[in-house]
Protein backbone atom coordinates (compact mmCIF):
# COMPACT_ATOMS: atom_id res chain seq x y z
CA UNK A 1 42.15 -3.52 57.40
CA UNK A 2 45.31 -5.88 57.61
CA UNK A 3 47.72 -4.06 59.71
CA UNK A 4 51.28 -3.51 58.78
CA UNK A 5 54.65 -5.12 60.79
CA UNK A 6 55.27 -0.91 61.39
CA UNK A 7 51.61 0.20 62.69
CA UNK A 8 51.50 -3.30 64.74
CA UNK A 9 55.04 -2.05 66.40
CA UNK A 10 53.31 1.47 67.24
CA UNK A 11 50.33 0.00 68.94
CA UNK A 12 52.19 -2.14 70.86
CA UNK A 13 54.42 0.22 71.43
CA UNK A 14 51.75 3.06 72.80
CA UNK A 15 51.45 4.17 76.41
CA UNK A 16 47.96 4.42 76.76
CA UNK A 17 44.49 2.44 75.22
CA UNK A 18 42.77 4.21 72.88
CA UNK A 19 39.20 4.57 73.22
CA UNK A 20 36.57 4.84 70.13
CA UNK A 21 34.00 7.99 70.58
CA UNK A 22 31.02 5.38 69.90
CA UNK A 23 31.81 3.14 72.87
CA UNK A 24 32.44 6.00 75.10
CA UNK A 25 29.38 7.80 75.65
CA UNK A 26 30.58 10.29 78.54
CA UNK A 27 32.33 11.66 75.22
CA UNK A 28 30.31 14.56 73.53
CA UNK A 29 32.84 16.33 71.30
CA UNK A 30 35.91 18.50 71.23
CA UNK A 31 36.26 22.25 70.22
CA UNK A 32 39.18 23.74 69.02
CA UNK A 33 40.24 27.33 71.21
CA UNK A 34 40.00 28.77 68.08
CA UNK A 35 35.87 27.86 68.17
CA UNK A 36 36.49 25.07 65.38
CA UNK A 37 35.02 21.86 65.76
CA UNK A 38 36.65 18.34 65.82
CA UNK A 39 35.26 14.77 64.86
CA UNK A 40 36.86 12.34 67.39
CA UNK A 41 38.37 9.31 65.67
CA UNK A 42 39.56 8.06 68.90
CA UNK A 43 41.51 9.39 72.19
CA UNK A 44 43.64 8.01 75.06
CA UNK A 45 44.91 9.06 78.48
CA UNK A 46 48.08 10.58 76.54
CA UNK A 47 46.41 12.31 73.14
CA UNK A 48 43.52 11.91 70.53
CA UNK A 49 43.11 11.42 67.11
CA UNK A 50 40.86 14.25 65.85
CA UNK A 51 39.52 15.10 62.22
CA UNK A 52 38.74 19.11 61.51
CA UNK A 53 38.18 21.38 58.48
CA UNK A 54 41.26 23.55 59.58
CA UNK A 55 44.81 22.52 59.06
CA UNK A 56 46.64 22.15 62.24
CA UNK A 57 50.50 22.59 62.00
CA UNK A 58 52.79 19.69 63.30
CA UNK A 59 54.10 20.90 66.03
CA UNK A 60 52.20 23.69 67.27
CA UNK A 61 50.53 24.02 70.70
CA UNK A 62 46.94 24.15 70.65
CA UNK A 63 44.21 24.42 73.19
CA UNK A 64 41.00 22.74 72.91
CA UNK A 65 37.93 21.72 75.76
CA UNK A 66 36.90 18.52 75.60
CA UNK A 67 32.77 18.21 76.38
CA UNK A 68 31.97 15.18 78.26
CA UNK A 69 28.97 14.57 80.28
CA UNK A 70 30.50 15.54 83.65
CA UNK A 71 31.66 18.77 82.28
CA UNK A 72 33.98 20.77 79.63
CA UNK A 73 38.16 20.05 79.99
CA UNK A 74 40.31 22.55 78.93
CA UNK A 75 43.36 20.29 77.55
CA UNK A 76 46.35 21.88 76.10
CA UNK A 77 48.43 19.66 73.34
CA UNK A 78 51.28 19.36 70.57
CA UNK A 79 49.87 18.45 67.22
CA UNK A 80 51.77 15.26 66.29
CA UNK A 81 51.07 15.17 62.58
CA UNK A 82 48.35 16.57 60.16
CA UNK A 83 47.60 15.59 56.92
CA UNK A 84 44.51 15.34 54.66
CA UNK A 85 42.20 12.09 54.54
CA UNK A 86 39.32 13.35 52.19
CA UNK A 87 37.34 15.79 50.59
CA UNK A 88 34.10 16.78 51.52
CA UNK A 89 32.40 19.33 48.74
CA UNK A 90 35.73 20.29 47.43
CA UNK A 91 37.66 21.28 50.63
CA UNK A 92 39.85 18.90 52.21
CA UNK A 93 39.09 17.46 55.53
CA UNK A 94 42.26 16.81 58.02
CA UNK A 95 43.26 14.01 60.27
CA UNK A 96 45.56 14.94 63.12
CA UNK A 97 47.51 13.51 65.83
CA UNK A 98 47.65 15.66 69.49
CA UNK A 99 49.31 14.74 71.90
CA UNK A 100 48.20 16.31 75.40
CA UNK A 101 50.36 17.87 77.84
CA UNK A 102 49.26 15.60 80.61
CA UNK A 103 47.20 12.92 80.94
CA UNK A 104 43.53 13.10 80.62
CA UNK A 105 42.42 11.32 83.65
CA UNK A 106 38.47 11.91 83.39
CA UNK A 107 38.72 8.86 81.14
CA UNK A 108 39.84 6.61 83.90
CA UNK A 109 35.89 6.60 84.77
CA UNK A 110 35.49 4.63 81.15
CA UNK A 111 35.17 0.97 81.40
CA UNK A 112 38.10 -0.28 79.29
CA UNK A 113 36.57 -3.45 78.38
CA UNK A 114 33.57 -1.61 76.88
CA UNK A 115 35.56 1.14 75.24
CA UNK A 116 38.49 -0.34 73.34
CA UNK A 117 39.02 0.56 69.83
CA UNK A 118 42.41 -0.74 69.24
CA UNK A 119 44.89 -2.56 72.00
CA UNK A 120 46.97 -5.74 70.50
CA UNK A 121 49.35 -7.77 72.15
CA UNK A 122 53.06 -6.85 70.95
CA UNK A 123 53.53 -8.98 67.81
CA UNK A 124 55.99 -11.51 67.56
CA UNK A 125 59.50 -11.07 66.74
CA UNK A 126 59.99 -12.00 62.74
CA UNK A 127 61.36 -15.40 62.44
CA UNK A 128 65.06 -15.69 61.71
CA UNK A 129 66.19 -16.15 57.56
CA UNK A 130 66.84 -19.74 57.02
CA UNK A 131 70.42 -21.08 56.89
CA UNK A 132 72.04 -21.44 53.49
CA UNK A 133 71.97 -24.54 52.09
CA UNK A 134 74.99 -26.90 53.06
CA UNK A 135 77.43 -27.69 50.23
CA UNK A 136 78.62 -30.91 49.31
CA UNK A 137 81.30 -32.60 51.32
CA UNK A 138 81.63 -29.06 53.12
CA UNK A 139 83.20 -27.35 49.69
CA UNK A 140 81.61 -24.60 48.24
CA UNK A 141 80.89 -25.65 44.19
CA UNK A 142 82.44 -23.54 41.71
CA UNK A 143 80.14 -21.68 39.15
CA UNK A 144 81.34 -20.65 35.64
CA UNK A 145 79.17 -18.80 33.13
CA UNK A 146 80.42 -18.56 29.20
CA UNK A 147 79.59 -16.29 26.81
CA UNK A 148 79.14 -16.99 23.28
CA UNK A 149 79.84 -14.32 20.99
CA UNK A 150 79.06 -14.33 17.63
C-alpha cells in the first residue's frame, strides 16, 4: 500500500519505532481494565495501535495490562483516535490509537532490527514549482478574446 505524503510526514515525525507483534515474541497481548481483550496491530515505547470490539472514546483515559513473557505490566494512556475499520458478523471492529502516559521501557529489550514494523527516513521536501515561461523580449504578451454573437 503506497503511503501518502501526509502519512510519510507522520511516520518521520514519530518519536519511537513501531514494532509488529509478529516480530515481537515477548508480547503476548493486551487486555483492557474493563476486561475486554485487544489485538495489537503495532506497539512502541510511546503507544499502541489496537483493535477491539468495543469503541474507545477519543481523549478518554484508559488502563490496560500488557501481557509479556516477563510478566504483565499495567499501563495507562489516552485514546488519540478510534474508528470502525471492519465488520465481523455484523458487529463493528474498532481500531484505536493509544498514547501511553509514560514510555513503555520493557520494549527496550527487543532487538529493533528484527521487530521493526515501520520506521522510514523522512521524505525529501517537495521540489519547487517550475518558473513561468519566459516572455519574448522581456515584454508580456497581451491576449485578447473576441466573442461573436448572432
